[in-house]
Amino acid sequence: MSVEPSRIARKCERAVVTAYQELREVGTEDVTAFHACTTLYRIHHPEASLNEARRLVSEWIDHHVVRQSKAPTKGCDCG
């Protein structure tokens, strides 16, 4: 269930997806990995609200990990 992180354009999105996958690979529970990735997103974007971070992280995990889509995501406005 691995995604090629190099094809994800946004650094924050790539960091979140990579961190989630690596945490899950070493046995971290889903919710714990999700919370860690939400924190990671907010480090990249301290201006983001907790709800915004949760929404984006959940969308990215669903898009890249669950559905394994190769299409780009709307995501945030950073490059």
C-alpha atoms as a PDB file:
ATOM      1  CA  MET A   1       0.000   0.000   0.000  1.00  0.00           C
ATOM      2  CA  SER A   2       2.932   2.317  -0.677  1.00  0.00           C
ATOM      3  CA  VAL A   3       2.733   5.538  -2.661  1.00  0.00           C
ATOM      4  CA  GLU A   4       5.643   7.029  -4.599  1.00  0.00           C
ATOM      5  CA  PRO A   5       6.092  10.239  -2.568  1.00  0.00           C
ATOM      6  CA  SER A   6       8.318  11.808  -5.240  1.00  0.00           C
ATOM      7  CA  ARG A   7       5.305  12.282  -7.537  1.00  0.00           C
ATOM      8  CA  ILE A   8       3.460  14.457  -4.981  1.00  0.00           C
ATOM      9  CA  ALA A   9       4.133  18.105  -5.826  1.00  0.00           C
ATOM     10  CA  ARG A  10       3.472  19.864  -2.498  1.00  0.00           C
ATOM     11  CA  LYS A  11       6.177  19.416   0.143  1.00  0.00           C
ATOM     12  CA  CYS A  12       3.665  19.429   2.996  1.00  0.00           C
ATOM     13  CA  GLU A  13       1.451  16.868   1.254  1.00  0.00           C
ATOM     14  CA  ARG A  14       4.434  14.652   0.457  1.00  0.00           C
ATOM     15  CA  ALA A  15       5.645  14.904   4.067  1.00  0.00           C
ATOM     16  CA  VAL A  16       2.221  14.008   5.472  1.00  0.00           C
ATOM     17  CA  VAL A  17       1.671  11.003   3.183  1.00  0.00           C
ATOM     18  CA  THR A  18       5.221   9.699   3.720  1.00  0.00           C
ATOM     19  CA  ALA A  19       4.968  10.094   7.501  1.00  0.00           C
ATOM     20  CA  TYR A  20       1.602   8.363   7.627  1.00  0.00           C
ATOM     21  CA  GLN A  21       2.844   5.402   5.596  1.00  0.00           C
ATOM     22  CA  GLU A  22       6.047   5.044   7.600  1.00  0.00           C
ATOM     23  CA  LEU A  23       4.213   5.246  10.924  1.00  0.00           C
ATOM     24  CA  ARG A  24       1.713   2.599   9.822  1.00  0.00           C
ATOM     25  CA  GLU A  25       4.522   0.354   8.535  1.00  0.00           C
ATOM     26  CA  VAL A  26       6.108   0.244  11.990  1.00  0.00           C
ATOM     27  CA  GLY A  27       2.803  -0.605  13.646  1.00  0.00           C
ATOM     28  CA  THR A  28       1.513   2.779  14.786  1.00  0.00           C
ATOM     29  CA  GLU A  29      -2.270   2.752  15.201  1.00  0.00           C
ATOM     30  CA  ASP A  30      -4.252   4.577  12.512  1.00  0.00           C
ATOM     31  CA  VAL A  31      -5.598   7.340  14.767  1.00  0.00           C
ATOM     32  CA  THR A  32      -2.199   7.972  16.343  1.00  0.00           C
ATOM     33  CA  ALA A  33      -0.573   8.232  12.892  1.00  0.00           C
ATOM     34  CA  PHE A  34      -3.356  10.572  11.771  1.00  0.00           C
ATOM     35  CA  HIS A  35      -2.847  12.863  14.782  1.00  0.00           C
ATOM     36  CA  ALA A  36       0.921  12.916  14.197  1.00  0.00           C
ATOM     37  CA  CYS A  37       0.377  13.863  10.559  1.00  0.00           C
ATOM     38  CA  THR A  38      -2.075  16.589  11.512  1.00  0.00           C
ATOM     39  CA  THR A  39       0.616  18.034  13.788  1.00  0.00           C
ATOM     40  CA  LEU A  40       3.170  17.723  10.985  1.00  0.00           C
ATOM     41  CA  TYR A  41       0.871  19.624   8.621  1.00  0.00           C
ATOM     42  CA  ARG A  42       0.474  22.406  11.179  1.00  0.00           C
ATOM     43  CA  ILE A  43       4.252  22.678  11.487  1.00  0.00           C
ATOM     44  CA  HIS A  44       4.353  23.332   7.738  1.00  0.00           C
ATOM     45  CA  HIS A  45       1.314  25.634   8.002  1.00  0.00           C
ATOM     46  CA  PRO A  46       1.041  27.199  11.470  1.00  0.00           C
ATOM     47  CA  GLU A  47      -1.688  29.499  10.135  1.00  0.00           C
ATOM     48  CA  ALA A  48      -4.003  26.524   9.536  1.00  0.00           C
ATOM     49  CA  SER A  49      -6.755  25.741  11.997  1.00  0.00           C
ATOM     50  CA  LEU A  50      -6.899  22.302  13.552  1.00  0.00           C
ATOM     51  CA  ASN A  51     -10.075  21.545  11.586  1.00  0.00           C
ATOM     52  CA  GLU A  52      -8.471  22.580   8.291  1.00  0.00           C
ATOM     53  CA  ALA A  53      -5.414  20.436   9.037  1.00  0.00           C
ATOM     54  CA  ARG A  54      -7.573  17.434   9.912  1.00  0.00           C
ATOM     55  CA  ARG A  55      -9.620  17.837   6.741  1.00  0.00           C
ATOM     56  CA  LEU A  56      -6.605  18.071   4.437  1.00  0.00           C
ATOM     57  CA  VAL A  57      -4.702  15.237   6.100  1.00  0.00           C
ATOM     58  CA  SER A  58      -7.723  12.953   5.930  1.00  0.00           C
ATOM     59  CA  GLU A  59      -8.299  13.864   2.260  1.00  0.00           C
ATOM     60  CA  TRP A  60      -4.646  13.189   1.393  1.00  0.00           C
ATOM     61  CA  ILE A  61      -4.555   9.860   3.215  1.00  0.00           C
ATOM     62  CA  ASP A  62      -7.774   8.778   1.549  1.00  0.00           C
ATOM     63  CA  HIS A  63      -6.602   9.963  -1.867  1.00  0.00           C
ATOM     64  CA  HIS A  64      -3.031   8.650  -1.871  1.00  0.00           C
ATOM     65  CA  VAL A  65      -3.085   5.701   0.536  1.00  0.00           C
ATOM     66  CA  VAL A  66      -6.609   4.306   0.595  1.00  0.00           C
ATOM     67  CA  ARG A  67      -7.656   4.894  -3.022  1.00  0.00           C
ATOM     68  CA  GLN A  68      -4.059   4.954  -4.347  1.00  0.00           C
ATOM     69  CA  SER A  69      -5.022   7.659  -6.822  1.00  0.00           C
ATOM     70  CA  LYS A  70      -2.278   9.177  -8.946  1.00  0.00           C
ATOM     71  CA  ALA A  71      -4.312  12.284  -9.767  1.00  0.00           C
ATOM     72  CA  PRO A  72      -3.351  15.590  -8.127  1.00  0.00           C
ATOM     73  CA  THR A  73      -5.317  16.848  -5.141  1.00  0.00           C
ATOM     74  CA  LYS A  74      -6.742  20.293  -4.480  1.00  0.00           C
ATOM     75  CA  GLY A  75      -5.002  20.501  -1.108  1.00  0.00           C
ATOM     76  CA  CYS A  76      -3.491  23.703   0.169  1.00  0.00           C
ATOM     77  CA  ASP A  77      -2.160  26.678  -1.799  1.00  0.00           C
ATOM     78  CA  CYS A  78       1.535  26.140  -1.178  1.00  0.00           C
ATOM     79  CA  GLY A  79       3.858  24.850  -3.856  1.00  0.00           C
END
